[in-house]
Amino acid sequence: MILAAMKKKGYTVYPVHPTANIIDNSITYNSLDQIPQKPEGAIIVLPPHNAERAANEVIAAGIKNIWFQQGSESEKAVRYAVLNGENVISGQCVWMFLKHAGFPHNVHRWVWSLSASG
């Protein structure tokens, strides 16, 4: 769902999955080295026990920005990424930051903005 929403908002996205060929009507790459151009960042949407392996692959590909979708991060993966010089976002929902994401994400963003400004 994040993939489709980002495409709809005009982002260029390259879904990566080791076995899938298509996700949300998008051609899927089996590894980061198959992507036609190096992306600016990677959004990791995986079970937390796979997050460190994914972060390692992102770092090895030379991608400097990692967003661990809320619930996908592990403390070890985040620490590993930071120690390797990555710009990391974790514990935040991608949906909250997509413009015009709609309900309930806009309410979540509003509540977050209140707590962030206080």
C-alpha atoms as a PDB file:
ATOM      1  CA  MET A   1       0.000   0.000   0.000  1.00  0.00           C
ATOM      2  CA  ILE A   2       2.868   2.413   0.732  1.00  0.00           C
ATOM      3  CA  LEU A   3       4.278   1.646  -2.705  1.00  0.00           C
ATOM      4  CA  ALA A   4       1.031   2.483  -4.510  1.00  0.00           C
ATOM      5  CA  ALA A   5       0.537   5.661  -2.468  1.00  0.00           C
ATOM      6  CA  MET A   6       4.061   6.895  -3.198  1.00  0.00           C
ATOM      7  CA  LYS A   7       3.651   6.227  -6.915  1.00  0.00           C
ATOM      8  CA  LYS A   8       0.342   8.091  -6.876  1.00  0.00           C
ATOM      9  CA  LYS A   9       2.103  11.076  -5.247  1.00  0.00           C
ATOM     10  CA  GLY A  10       4.666  11.113  -8.069  1.00  0.00           C
ATOM     11  CA  TYR A  11       7.627   9.432  -6.402  1.00  0.00           C
ATOM     12  CA  THR A  12       9.862   7.150  -8.445  1.00  0.00           C
ATOM     13  CA  VAL A  13       9.924   3.864  -6.574  1.00  0.00           C
ATOM     14  CA  TYR A  14      11.811   0.627  -7.095  1.00  0.00           C
ATOM     15  CA  PRO A  15      10.277  -2.192  -5.055  1.00  0.00           C
ATOM     16  CA  VAL A  16      12.753  -4.895  -4.064  1.00  0.00           C
ATOM     17  CA  HIS A  17      11.700  -8.398  -3.079  1.00  0.00           C
ATOM     18  CA  PRO A  18      13.797 -11.566  -3.340  1.00  0.00           C
ATOM     19  CA  THR A  19      11.072 -13.687  -4.975  1.00  0.00           C
ATOM     20  CA  ALA A  20       8.163 -11.497  -6.134  1.00  0.00           C
ATOM     21  CA  ASN A  21       7.971 -10.282  -9.740  1.00  0.00           C
ATOM     22  CA  ILE A  22       5.152  -7.770  -9.266  1.00  0.00           C
ATOM     23  CA  ILE A  23       3.958  -5.842  -6.195  1.00  0.00           C
ATOM     24  CA  ASP A  24       1.065  -3.356  -6.457  1.00  0.00           C
ATOM     25  CA  ASN A  25       1.288  -3.503 -10.263  1.00  0.00           C
ATOM     26  CA  SER A  26       4.978  -2.530 -10.169  1.00  0.00           C
ATOM     27  CA  ILE A  27       7.866  -4.538 -11.580  1.00  0.00           C
ATOM     28  CA  THR A  28       9.892  -5.785  -8.638  1.00  0.00           C
ATOM     29  CA  TYR A  29      13.665  -6.126  -8.494  1.00  0.00           C
ATOM     30  CA  ASN A  30      15.175  -9.139  -6.751  1.00  0.00           C
ATOM     31  CA  SER A  31      18.048  -7.119  -5.275  1.00  0.00           C
ATOM     32  CA  LEU A  32      19.228  -3.532  -4.956  1.00  0.00           C
ATOM     33  CA  ASP A  33      21.964  -4.068  -7.549  1.00  0.00           C
ATOM     34  CA  GLN A  34      19.294  -4.725 -10.218  1.00  0.00           C
ATOM     35  CA  ILE A  35      17.742  -1.259  -9.856  1.00  0.00           C
ATOM     36  CA  PRO A  36      18.468   0.856 -12.978  1.00  0.00           C
ATOM     37  CA  GLN A  37      19.711   3.849 -10.955  1.00  0.00           C
ATOM     38  CA  LYS A  38      20.824   4.318  -7.361  1.00  0.00           C
ATOM     39  CA  PRO A  39      17.918   5.708  -5.327  1.00  0.00           C
ATOM     40  CA  GLU A  40      18.320   8.528  -2.805  1.00  0.00           C
ATOM     41  CA  GLY A  41      16.900   6.388  -0.043  1.00  0.00           C
ATOM     42  CA  ALA A  42      15.357   3.102   0.954  1.00  0.00           C
ATOM     43  CA  ILE A  43      12.176   2.475   2.887  1.00  0.00           C
ATOM     44  CA  ILE A  44      12.384  -0.832   4.707  1.00  0.00           C
ATOM     45  CA  VAL A  45       9.012  -2.508   5.205  1.00  0.00           C
ATOM     46  CA  LEU A  46       9.870  -5.937   6.584  1.00  0.00           C
ATOM     47  CA  PRO A  47       9.473  -7.887   9.790  1.00  0.00           C
ATOM     48  CA  PRO A  48      11.995  -6.537  12.341  1.00  0.00           C
ATOM     49  CA  HIS A  49      14.008  -9.780  12.308  1.00  0.00           C
ATOM     50  CA  ASN A  50      14.896  -9.036   8.642  1.00  0.00           C
ATOM     51  CA  ALA A  51      15.718  -5.353   9.159  1.00  0.00           C
ATOM     52  CA  GLU A  52      19.434  -5.727   9.865  1.00  0.00           C
ATOM     53  CA  ARG A  53      20.034  -7.792   6.726  1.00  0.00           C
ATOM     54  CA  ALA A  54      18.106  -5.226   4.676  1.00  0.00           C
ATOM     55  CA  ALA A  55      20.057  -2.336   6.223  1.00  0.00           C
ATOM     56  CA  ASN A  56      23.309  -4.118   5.393  1.00  0.00           C
ATOM     57  CA  GLU A  57      22.224  -4.434   1.750  1.00  0.00           C
ATOM     58  CA  VAL A  58      21.235  -0.755   1.600  1.00  0.00           C
ATOM     59  CA  ILE A  59      24.589   0.304   3.068  1.00  0.00           C
ATOM     60  CA  ALA A  60      26.504  -1.987   0.673  1.00  0.00           C
ATOM     61  CA  ALA A  61      24.629  -0.399  -2.256  1.00  0.00           C
ATOM     62  CA  GLY A  62      25.840   3.059  -1.201  1.00  0.00           C
ATOM     63  CA  ILE A  63      22.365   4.389  -0.422  1.00  0.00           C
ATOM     64  CA  LYS A  64      22.727   6.919   2.413  1.00  0.00           C
ATOM     65  CA  ASN A  65      19.133   7.338   3.638  1.00  0.00           C
ATOM     66  CA  ILE A  66      17.130   4.596   5.347  1.00  0.00           C
ATOM     67  CA  TRP A  67      13.574   4.835   6.610  1.00  0.00           C
ATOM     68  CA  PHE A  68      12.490   1.889   8.706  1.00  0.00           C
ATOM     69  CA  GLN A  69       8.699   1.910   8.433  1.00  0.00           C
ATOM     70  CA  GLN A  70       7.136   1.979  11.877  1.00  0.00           C
ATOM     71  CA  GLY A  71       7.110  -1.591  13.174  1.00  0.00           C
ATOM     72  CA  SER A  72       9.820  -2.748  10.759  1.00  0.00           C
ATOM     73  CA  GLU A  73      12.796  -1.576  12.762  1.00  0.00           C
ATOM     74  CA  SER A  74      14.892  -3.456  15.240  1.00  0.00           C
ATOM     75  CA  GLU A  75      17.160  -1.694  17.704  1.00  0.00           C
ATOM     76  CA  LYS A  76      20.142  -3.592  16.313  1.00  0.00           C
ATOM     77  CA  ALA A  77      19.347  -2.642  12.691  1.00  0.00           C
ATOM     78  CA  VAL A  78      18.914   1.048  13.515  1.00  0.00           C
ATOM     79  CA  ARG A  79      22.127   1.128  15.549  1.00  0.00           C
ATOM     80  CA  TYR A  80      24.020  -0.674  12.764  1.00  0.00           C
ATOM     81  CA  ALA A  81      22.775   1.808  10.151  1.00  0.00           C
ATOM     82  CA  VAL A  82      23.649   4.853  12.273  1.00  0.00           C
ATOM     83  CA  LEU A  83      27.126   3.488  13.065  1.00  0.00           C
ATOM     84  CA  ASN A  84      27.671   3.070   9.321  1.00  0.00           C
ATOM     85  CA  GLY A  85      26.895   6.731   8.620  1.00  0.00           C
ATOM     86  CA  GLU A  86      23.341   6.369   7.380  1.00  0.00           C
ATOM     87  CA  ASN A  87      20.704   9.055   7.770  1.00  0.00           C
ATOM     88  CA  VAL A  88      18.020   7.060   9.584  1.00  0.00           C
ATOM     89  CA  ILE A  89      14.350   7.558  10.313  1.00  0.00           C
ATOM     90  CA  SER A  90      12.660   4.953  12.485  1.00  0.00           C
ATOM     91  CA  GLY A  91       9.540   4.704  14.587  1.00  0.00           C
ATOM     92  CA  GLN A  92       7.672   6.972  12.162  1.00  0.00           C
ATOM     93  CA  CYS A  93       4.978   5.968   9.702  1.00  0.00           C
ATOM     94  CA  VAL A  94       5.669   6.858   6.064  1.00  0.00           C
ATOM     95  CA  TRP A  95       1.952   7.505   5.557  1.00  0.00           C
ATOM     96  CA  MET A  96       2.064  10.354   8.050  1.00  0.00           C
ATOM     97  CA  PHE A  97       4.441  12.308   5.831  1.00  0.00           C
ATOM     98  CA  LEU A  98       2.786  11.758   2.451  1.00  0.00           C
ATOM     99  CA  LYS A  99       0.933  14.926   1.500  1.00  0.00           C
ATOM    100  CA  HIS A 100      -2.839  14.546   1.431  1.00  0.00           C
ATOM    101  CA  ALA A 101      -2.654  10.998   2.781  1.00  0.00           C
ATOM    102  CA  GLY A 102      -6.152  11.347   4.220  1.00  0.00           C
ATOM    103  CA  PHE A 103      -7.756   9.865   7.304  1.00  0.00           C
ATOM    104  CA  PRO A 104      -6.490   8.488   9.675  1.00  0.00           C
ATOM    105  CA  HIS A 105      -2.951   9.468   8.662  1.00  0.00           C
ATOM    106  CA  ASN A 106      -3.699  13.204   8.664  1.00  0.00           C
ATOM    107  CA  VAL A 107      -4.995  12.946  12.245  1.00  0.00           C
ATOM    108  CA  HIS A 108      -1.902  10.982  13.274  1.00  0.00           C
ATOM    109  CA  ARG A 109       0.304  13.694  11.672  1.00  0.00           C
ATOM    110  CA  TRP A 110      -1.621  16.428  13.531  1.00  0.00           C
ATOM    111  CA  VAL A 111      -1.250  14.664  16.904  1.00  0.00           C
ATOM    112  CA  TRP A 112       2.449  14.082  16.188  1.00  0.00           C
ATOM    113  CA  SER A 113       2.922  17.775  15.328  1.00  0.00           C
ATOM    114  CA  LEU A 114       1.436  18.764  18.690  1.00  0.00           C
ATOM    115  CA  SER A 115       3.777  16.500  20.615  1.00  0.00           C
ATOM    116  CA  ALA A 116       6.795  17.472  18.487  1.00  0.00           C
ATOM    117  CA  SER A 117       6.269  21.201  19.050  1.00  0.00           C
ATOM    118  CA  GLY A 118       5.794  20.922  22.818  1.00  0.00           C
END
